[in-house]
């Protein structure tokens, strides 16, 4: 299992477009990926659940990757976050 923390830099937080990109990326990977904010944890492949976290600019999220090729999945998720959020 791999875990990393990311601070959201997008002034709108996790909104529809980046949430869609996160979900699309997570679905394409062979690992189980979750995203947490505070006490809430959701599957990264679930668009509406991601938006339901209410992540705003400056919030820290924790990404957990389990199973499959964890190294490649971590790189892919970091890239999407850094490029879009």
C-alpha atoms as a PDB file:
ATOM      1  CA  UNK A   1       0.000   0.000   0.000  1.00  0.00           C
ATOM      2  CA  UNK A   2       1.232   3.498  -0.900  1.00  0.00           C
ATOM      3  CA  UNK A   3      -0.055   6.752   0.508  1.00  0.00           C
ATOM      4  CA  UNK A   4       0.725  10.377  -0.261  1.00  0.00           C
ATOM      5  CA  UNK A   5      -0.693  13.751   0.678  1.00  0.00           C
ATOM      6  CA  UNK A   6      -1.409  16.519  -1.813  1.00  0.00           C
ATOM      7  CA  UNK A   7      -2.427  20.149  -1.204  1.00  0.00           C
ATOM      8  CA  UNK A   8      -5.017  21.430  -3.678  1.00  0.00           C
ATOM      9  CA  UNK A   9      -3.810  24.516  -5.545  1.00  0.00           C
ATOM     10  CA  UNK A  10      -6.756  25.068  -7.927  1.00  0.00           C
ATOM     11  CA  UNK A  11      -8.752  28.058  -6.691  1.00  0.00           C
ATOM     12  CA  UNK A  12     -12.027  26.167  -7.290  1.00  0.00           C
ATOM     13  CA  UNK A  13     -10.910  22.998  -5.500  1.00  0.00           C
ATOM     14  CA  UNK A  14     -12.044  19.625  -6.842  1.00  0.00           C
ATOM     15  CA  UNK A  15     -14.821  20.578  -9.248  1.00  0.00           C
ATOM     16  CA  UNK A  16     -16.350  18.733 -12.206  1.00  0.00           C
ATOM     17  CA  UNK A  17     -13.500  18.838 -14.744  1.00  0.00           C
ATOM     18  CA  UNK A  18     -10.615  17.738 -12.506  1.00  0.00           C
ATOM     19  CA  UNK A  19     -12.856  15.286 -10.661  1.00  0.00           C
ATOM     20  CA  UNK A  20     -13.680  13.709 -14.024  1.00  0.00           C
ATOM     21  CA  UNK A  21      -9.989  13.460 -14.891  1.00  0.00           C
ATOM     22  CA  UNK A  22      -9.190  11.886 -11.504  1.00  0.00           C
ATOM     23  CA  UNK A  23     -12.013   9.358 -11.866  1.00  0.00           C
ATOM     24  CA  UNK A  24     -11.060   8.498 -15.454  1.00  0.00           C
ATOM     25  CA  UNK A  25      -7.426   7.967 -14.457  1.00  0.00           C
ATOM     26  CA  UNK A  26      -8.327   5.870 -11.410  1.00  0.00           C
ATOM     27  CA  UNK A  27     -10.646   3.637 -13.481  1.00  0.00           C
ATOM     28  CA  UNK A  28      -7.873   2.965 -15.997  1.00  0.00           C
ATOM     29  CA  UNK A  29      -5.399   1.803 -13.333  1.00  0.00           C
ATOM     30  CA  UNK A  30      -5.174  -1.711 -11.902  1.00  0.00           C
ATOM     31  CA  UNK A  31      -4.913  -0.513  -8.288  1.00  0.00           C
ATOM     32  CA  UNK A  32      -7.665   0.318  -5.820  1.00  0.00           C
ATOM     33  CA  UNK A  33      -7.373   4.047  -5.166  1.00  0.00           C
ATOM     34  CA  UNK A  34      -9.111   6.082  -2.480  1.00  0.00           C
ATOM     35  CA  UNK A  35      -9.020   9.789  -1.684  1.00  0.00           C
ATOM     36  CA  UNK A  36      -9.571  11.112   1.823  1.00  0.00           C
ATOM     37  CA  UNK A  37     -10.269  14.541   3.259  1.00  0.00           C
ATOM     38  CA  UNK A  38     -10.560  14.611   7.005  1.00  0.00           C
ATOM     39  CA  UNK A  39     -12.700  11.670   8.094  1.00  0.00           C
ATOM     40  CA  UNK A  40     -14.301  11.128   4.650  1.00  0.00           C
ATOM     41  CA  UNK A  41     -12.854   8.565   2.239  1.00  0.00           C
ATOM     42  CA  UNK A  42     -14.183   7.823  -1.249  1.00  0.00           C
ATOM     43  CA  UNK A  43     -13.189   5.682  -4.209  1.00  0.00           C
ATOM     44  CA  UNK A  44     -11.188   7.788  -6.660  1.00  0.00           C
ATOM     45  CA  UNK A  45     -13.067   6.267  -9.607  1.00  0.00           C
ATOM     46  CA  UNK A  46     -16.404   7.699  -8.378  1.00  0.00           C
ATOM     47  CA  UNK A  47     -16.959  11.154  -9.861  1.00  0.00           C
ATOM     48  CA  UNK A  48     -19.890  12.264  -7.707  1.00  0.00           C
ATOM     49  CA  UNK A  49     -18.251  10.975  -4.526  1.00  0.00           C
ATOM     50  CA  UNK A  50     -15.099  12.987  -5.321  1.00  0.00           C
ATOM     51  CA  UNK A  51     -17.114  16.148  -5.792  1.00  0.00           C
ATOM     52  CA  UNK A  52     -19.039  15.341  -2.603  1.00  0.00           C
ATOM     53  CA  UNK A  53     -15.852  15.607  -0.537  1.00  0.00           C
ATOM     54  CA  UNK A  54     -16.108  19.392  -0.832  1.00  0.00           C
ATOM     55  CA  UNK A  55     -12.371  19.869  -1.351  1.00  0.00           C
ATOM     56  CA  UNK A  56     -11.401  23.540  -1.635  1.00  0.00           C
ATOM     57  CA  UNK A  57      -8.190  25.380  -2.484  1.00  0.00           C
ATOM     58  CA  UNK A  58      -5.582  24.843   0.225  1.00  0.00           C
ATOM     59  CA  UNK A  59      -7.172  21.607   1.516  1.00  0.00           C
ATOM     60  CA  UNK A  60      -4.971  18.561   1.937  1.00  0.00           C
ATOM     61  CA  UNK A  61      -6.128  15.246   0.562  1.00  0.00           C
ATOM     62  CA  UNK A  62      -4.632  11.823   1.145  1.00  0.00           C
ATOM     63  CA  UNK A  63      -4.406   9.396  -1.767  1.00  0.00           C
ATOM     64  CA  UNK A  64      -4.121   5.697  -0.904  1.00  0.00           C
ATOM     65  CA  UNK A  65      -3.144   3.133  -3.533  1.00  0.00           C
ATOM     66  CA  UNK A  66      -3.523  -0.566  -2.873  1.00  0.00           C
ATOM     67  CA  UNK A  67      -2.727  -3.548  -5.094  1.00  0.00           C
ATOM     68  CA  UNK A  68      -1.754  -3.803  -8.733  1.00  0.00           C
ATOM     69  CA  UNK A  69       1.232  -1.787  -9.901  1.00  0.00           C
ATOM     70  CA  UNK A  70       1.277   0.684  -7.014  1.00  0.00           C
ATOM     71  CA  UNK A  71       4.329   2.612  -8.266  1.00  0.00           C
ATOM     72  CA  UNK A  72       2.816   3.283 -11.693  1.00  0.00           C
ATOM     73  CA  UNK A  73      -0.570   4.121 -10.165  1.00  0.00           C
ATOM     74  CA  UNK A  74       1.034   6.577  -7.745  1.00  0.00           C
ATOM     75  CA  UNK A  75       2.903   8.299 -10.593  1.00  0.00           C
ATOM     76  CA  UNK A  76      -0.282   8.557 -12.671  1.00  0.00           C
ATOM     77  CA  UNK A  77      -2.341  10.004  -9.816  1.00  0.00           C
ATOM     78  CA  UNK A  78       0.383  12.492  -8.831  1.00  0.00           C
ATOM     79  CA  UNK A  79       0.637  13.625 -12.452  1.00  0.00           C
ATOM     80  CA  UNK A  80      -3.109  14.237 -12.748  1.00  0.00           C
ATOM     81  CA  UNK A  81      -3.184  16.118  -9.456  1.00  0.00           C
ATOM     82  CA  UNK A  82      -0.148  18.270 -10.252  1.00  0.00           C
ATOM     83  CA  UNK A  83      -1.315  19.064 -13.792  1.00  0.00           C
ATOM     84  CA  UNK A  84      -4.951  19.836 -12.901  1.00  0.00           C
ATOM     85  CA  UNK A  85      -5.252  20.695  -9.229  1.00  0.00           C
END
